[in-house]
Amino acid sequence: MDWKNYIVSEDKVLLGKPTIRGTRISVEHIIGLLAQGWNEQQILDNYPRLDQKSLQAVFSYIQDCLKDGLLYTNA
């Protein structure tokens, strides 16, 4: 899965936060929903512009961020 086909960052959309292409739905928002206990089907039902591949792209994007050390802290 090449998340770059689904996740974009544009200065004029949500101040450049990574979003799902063609939407104003941020990666941060999707991860937040999952952290609150939403499952993938609930997200798809509530955000009809998303599909399974766009959610998979979110996970792939986060995996690459972790692999590159972008989310590590010294805590």
N, C-alpha and C. Protein backbone atom coordinates (compact mmCIF):
# COMPACT_ATOMS: atom_id res chain seq x y z
N MET A 1 0.86 -1.19 0.00
CA MET A 1 0.00 0.00 0.00
C MET A 1 0.89 1.23 0.00
N ASP A 2 0.73 2.06 -0.99
CA ASP A 2 1.46 3.33 -1.04
C ASP A 2 0.54 4.42 -0.52
N TRP A 3 0.74 4.79 0.74
CA TRP A 3 -0.15 5.76 1.38
C TRP A 3 -0.11 7.11 0.67
N LYS A 4 0.94 7.39 -0.09
CA LYS A 4 1.07 8.69 -0.77
C LYS A 4 -0.02 8.90 -1.82
N ASN A 5 -0.69 7.83 -2.22
CA ASN A 5 -1.82 7.96 -3.14
C ASN A 5 -3.10 8.41 -2.43
N TYR A 6 -3.09 8.35 -1.09
CA TYR A 6 -4.30 8.64 -0.31
C TYR A 6 -4.13 9.77 0.70
N ILE A 7 -2.93 9.97 1.20
CA ILE A 7 -2.67 10.96 2.24
C ILE A 7 -1.91 12.14 1.64
N VAL A 8 -2.43 13.34 1.88
CA VAL A 8 -1.79 14.55 1.34
C VAL A 8 -1.65 15.59 2.45
N SER A 9 -0.79 16.55 2.21
CA SER A 9 -0.61 17.67 3.12
C SER A 9 -0.57 18.93 2.28
N GLU A 10 -1.59 19.77 2.46
CA GLU A 10 -1.69 21.01 1.69
C GLU A 10 -1.79 22.17 2.67
N ASP A 11 -0.97 23.18 2.45
CA ASP A 11 -0.93 24.33 3.36
C ASP A 11 -2.30 24.97 3.60
N LYS A 12 -3.16 24.96 2.59
CA LYS A 12 -4.46 25.63 2.70
C LYS A 12 -5.55 24.75 3.30
N VAL A 13 -5.23 23.50 3.59
CA VAL A 13 -6.22 22.59 4.18
C VAL A 13 -5.74 22.18 5.57
N LEU A 14 -6.49 22.56 6.57
CA LEU A 14 -6.19 22.24 7.97
C LEU A 14 -4.75 22.57 8.34
N LEU A 15 -4.27 23.70 7.85
CA LEU A 15 -2.93 24.21 8.18
C LEU A 15 -1.83 23.22 7.83
N GLY A 16 -2.05 22.40 6.80
CA GLY A 16 -1.02 21.48 6.34
C GLY A 16 -1.00 20.14 7.03
N LYS A 17 -1.96 19.89 7.92
CA LYS A 17 -2.01 18.57 8.56
C LYS A 17 -2.25 17.51 7.48
N PRO A 18 -1.71 16.31 7.67
CA PRO A 18 -1.98 15.24 6.71
C PRO A 18 -3.47 14.88 6.72
N THR A 19 -4.05 14.87 5.53
CA THR A 19 -5.47 14.56 5.37
C THR A 19 -5.64 13.48 4.33
N ILE A 20 -6.82 12.90 4.30
CA ILE A 20 -7.15 11.93 3.27
C ILE A 20 -7.53 12.70 2.02
N ARG A 21 -6.86 12.37 0.93
CA ARG A 21 -7.04 13.08 -0.34
C ARG A 21 -8.52 13.29 -0.67
N GLY A 22 -8.85 14.50 -1.08
CA GLY A 22 -10.21 14.83 -1.48
C GLY A 22 -11.15 15.12 -0.33
N THR A 23 -10.61 15.13 0.90
CA THR A 23 -11.44 15.41 2.07
C THR A 23 -10.72 16.42 2.96
N ARG A 24 -11.41 16.82 4.00
CA ARG A 24 -10.80 17.63 5.04
C ARG A 24 -10.71 16.79 6.32
N ILE A 25 -10.62 15.49 6.15
CA ILE A 25 -10.53 14.56 7.28
C ILE A 25 -9.06 14.26 7.52
N SER A 26 -8.58 14.63 8.69
CA SER A 26 -7.16 14.47 8.98
C SER A 26 -6.85 13.06 9.49
N VAL A 27 -5.61 12.69 9.29
CA VAL A 27 -5.10 11.43 9.85
C VAL A 27 -5.27 11.47 11.36
N GLU A 28 -4.95 12.61 11.95
CA GLU A 28 -5.08 12.79 13.39
C GLU A 28 -6.51 12.50 13.86
N HIS A 29 -7.51 12.97 13.10
CA HIS A 29 -8.91 12.75 13.46
C HIS A 29 -9.26 11.26 13.43
N ILE A 30 -8.82 10.57 12.39
CA ILE A 30 -9.10 9.14 12.26
C ILE A 30 -8.47 8.38 13.42
N ILE A 31 -7.21 8.67 13.73
CA ILE A 31 -6.54 8.00 14.84
C ILE A 31 -7.24 8.33 16.15
N GLY A 32 -7.70 9.56 16.29
CA GLY A 32 -8.45 9.95 17.49
C GLY A 32 -9.74 9.16 17.66
N LEU A 33 -10.46 8.95 16.56
CA LEU A 33 -11.68 8.14 16.62
C LEU A 33 -11.37 6.72 17.07
N LEU A 34 -10.33 6.15 16.50
CA LEU A 34 -9.94 4.79 16.88
C LEU A 34 -9.54 4.74 18.35
N ALA A 35 -8.83 5.75 18.83
CA ALA A 35 -8.42 5.81 20.23
C ALA A 35 -9.62 5.92 21.17
N GLN A 36 -10.71 6.52 20.67
CA GLN A 36 -11.93 6.65 21.47
C GLN A 36 -12.77 5.37 21.45
N GLY A 37 -12.34 4.39 20.65
CA GLY A 37 -13.05 3.11 20.63
C GLY A 37 -13.88 2.84 19.38
N TRP A 38 -13.88 3.78 18.44
CA TRP A 38 -14.59 3.53 17.20
C TRP A 38 -13.90 2.39 16.45
N ASN A 39 -14.70 1.59 15.73
CA ASN A 39 -14.09 0.59 14.88
C ASN A 39 -14.13 1.08 13.43
N GLU A 40 -13.47 0.35 12.57
CA GLU A 40 -13.37 0.77 11.17
C GLU A 40 -14.74 0.92 10.52
N GLN A 41 -15.65 -0.01 10.81
CA GLN A 41 -16.97 0.07 10.18
C GLN A 41 -17.73 1.31 10.63
N GLN A 42 -17.61 1.69 11.88
CA GLN A 42 -18.26 2.90 12.37
C GLN A 42 -17.72 4.13 11.64
N ILE A 43 -16.41 4.16 11.43
CA ILE A 43 -15.81 5.29 10.71
C ILE A 43 -16.33 5.33 9.28
N LEU A 44 -16.35 4.19 8.62
CA LEU A 44 -16.83 4.14 7.23
C LEU A 44 -18.30 4.52 7.14
N ASP A 45 -19.10 4.10 8.10
CA ASP A 45 -20.53 4.44 8.10
C ASP A 45 -20.76 5.93 8.32
N ASN A 46 -19.93 6.56 9.15
CA ASN A 46 -20.11 7.98 9.48
C ASN A 46 -19.39 8.93 8.54
N TYR A 47 -18.46 8.42 7.77
CA TYR A 47 -17.70 9.24 6.81
C TYR A 47 -17.74 8.53 5.45
N PRO A 48 -18.86 8.67 4.73
CA PRO A 48 -19.06 7.91 3.49
C PRO A 48 -18.05 8.21 2.38
N ARG A 49 -17.30 9.30 2.48
CA ARG A 49 -16.28 9.59 1.46
C ARG A 49 -15.04 8.74 1.65
N LEU A 50 -14.95 8.06 2.79
CA LEU A 50 -13.81 7.18 3.06
C LEU A 50 -14.15 5.76 2.62
N ASP A 51 -13.11 5.01 2.31
CA ASP A 51 -13.28 3.60 2.01
C ASP A 51 -12.19 2.80 2.74
N GLN A 52 -12.25 1.50 2.61
CA GLN A 52 -11.30 0.64 3.31
C GLN A 52 -9.86 0.98 2.96
N LYS A 53 -9.60 1.29 1.70
CA LYS A 53 -8.24 1.60 1.27
C LYS A 53 -7.73 2.90 1.90
N SER A 54 -8.60 3.88 2.07
CA SER A 54 -8.15 5.13 2.69
C SER A 54 -7.82 4.91 4.17
N LEU A 55 -8.57 4.04 4.85
CA LEU A 55 -8.22 3.72 6.24
C LEU A 55 -6.92 2.94 6.30
N GLN A 56 -6.73 2.02 5.38
CA GLN A 56 -5.48 1.27 5.34
C GLN A 56 -4.31 2.22 5.10
N ALA A 57 -4.52 3.23 4.29
CA ALA A 57 -3.47 4.22 4.03
C ALA A 57 -3.10 4.98 5.30
N VAL A 58 -4.08 5.26 6.14
CA VAL A 58 -3.80 5.93 7.42
C VAL A 58 -2.85 5.07 8.25
N PHE A 59 -3.13 3.78 8.34
CA PHE A 59 -2.27 2.88 9.11
C PHE A 59 -0.88 2.78 8.49
N SER A 60 -0.81 2.74 7.19
CA SER A 60 0.47 2.67 6.50
C SER A 60 1.28 3.94 6.74
N TYR A 61 0.61 5.08 6.69
CA TYR A 61 1.26 6.37 6.96
C TYR A 61 1.83 6.40 8.38
N ILE A 62 1.04 6.00 9.36
CA ILE A 62 1.49 5.99 10.75
C ILE A 62 2.66 5.03 10.93
N GLN A 63 2.59 3.88 10.27
CA GLN A 63 3.70 2.92 10.34
C GLN A 63 4.99 3.56 9.83
N ASP A 64 4.91 4.25 8.70
CA ASP A 64 6.11 4.90 8.16
C ASP A 64 6.62 5.99 9.10
N CYS A 65 5.71 6.73 9.71
CA CYS A 65 6.13 7.77 10.67
C CYS A 65 6.86 7.14 11.85
N LEU A 66 6.35 6.05 12.36
CA LEU A 66 6.99 5.37 13.49
C LEU A 66 8.34 4.80 13.07
N LYS A 67 8.38 4.22 11.89
CA LYS A 67 9.62 3.62 11.39
C LYS A 67 10.70 4.68 11.23
N ASP A 68 10.30 5.87 10.80
CA ASP A 68 11.24 6.97 10.59
C ASP A 68 11.56 7.72 11.89
N GLY A 69 10.92 7.31 13.00
CA GLY A 69 11.20 7.93 14.29
C GLY A 69 10.52 9.28 14.47
N LEU A 70 9.51 9.57 13.69
CA LEU A 70 8.88 10.89 13.77
C LEU A 70 7.97 11.05 14.99
N LEU A 71 7.59 9.96 15.62
CA LEU A 71 6.64 10.06 16.73
C LEU A 71 7.26 9.68 18.07
N TYR A 72 8.56 9.45 18.10
CA TYR A 72 9.21 9.05 19.36
C TYR A 72 9.46 10.25 20.26
N THR A 73 9.39 9.99 21.54
CA THR A 73 9.74 11.03 22.52
C THR A 73 10.74 10.46 23.50
N ASN A 74 11.32 11.30 24.28
CA ASN A 74 12.28 10.86 25.30
C ASN A 74 11.61 10.73 26.66
N ALA A 75 10.34 10.54 26.67
CA ALA A 75 9.61 10.47 27.94
C ALA A 75 9.90 9.17 28.67
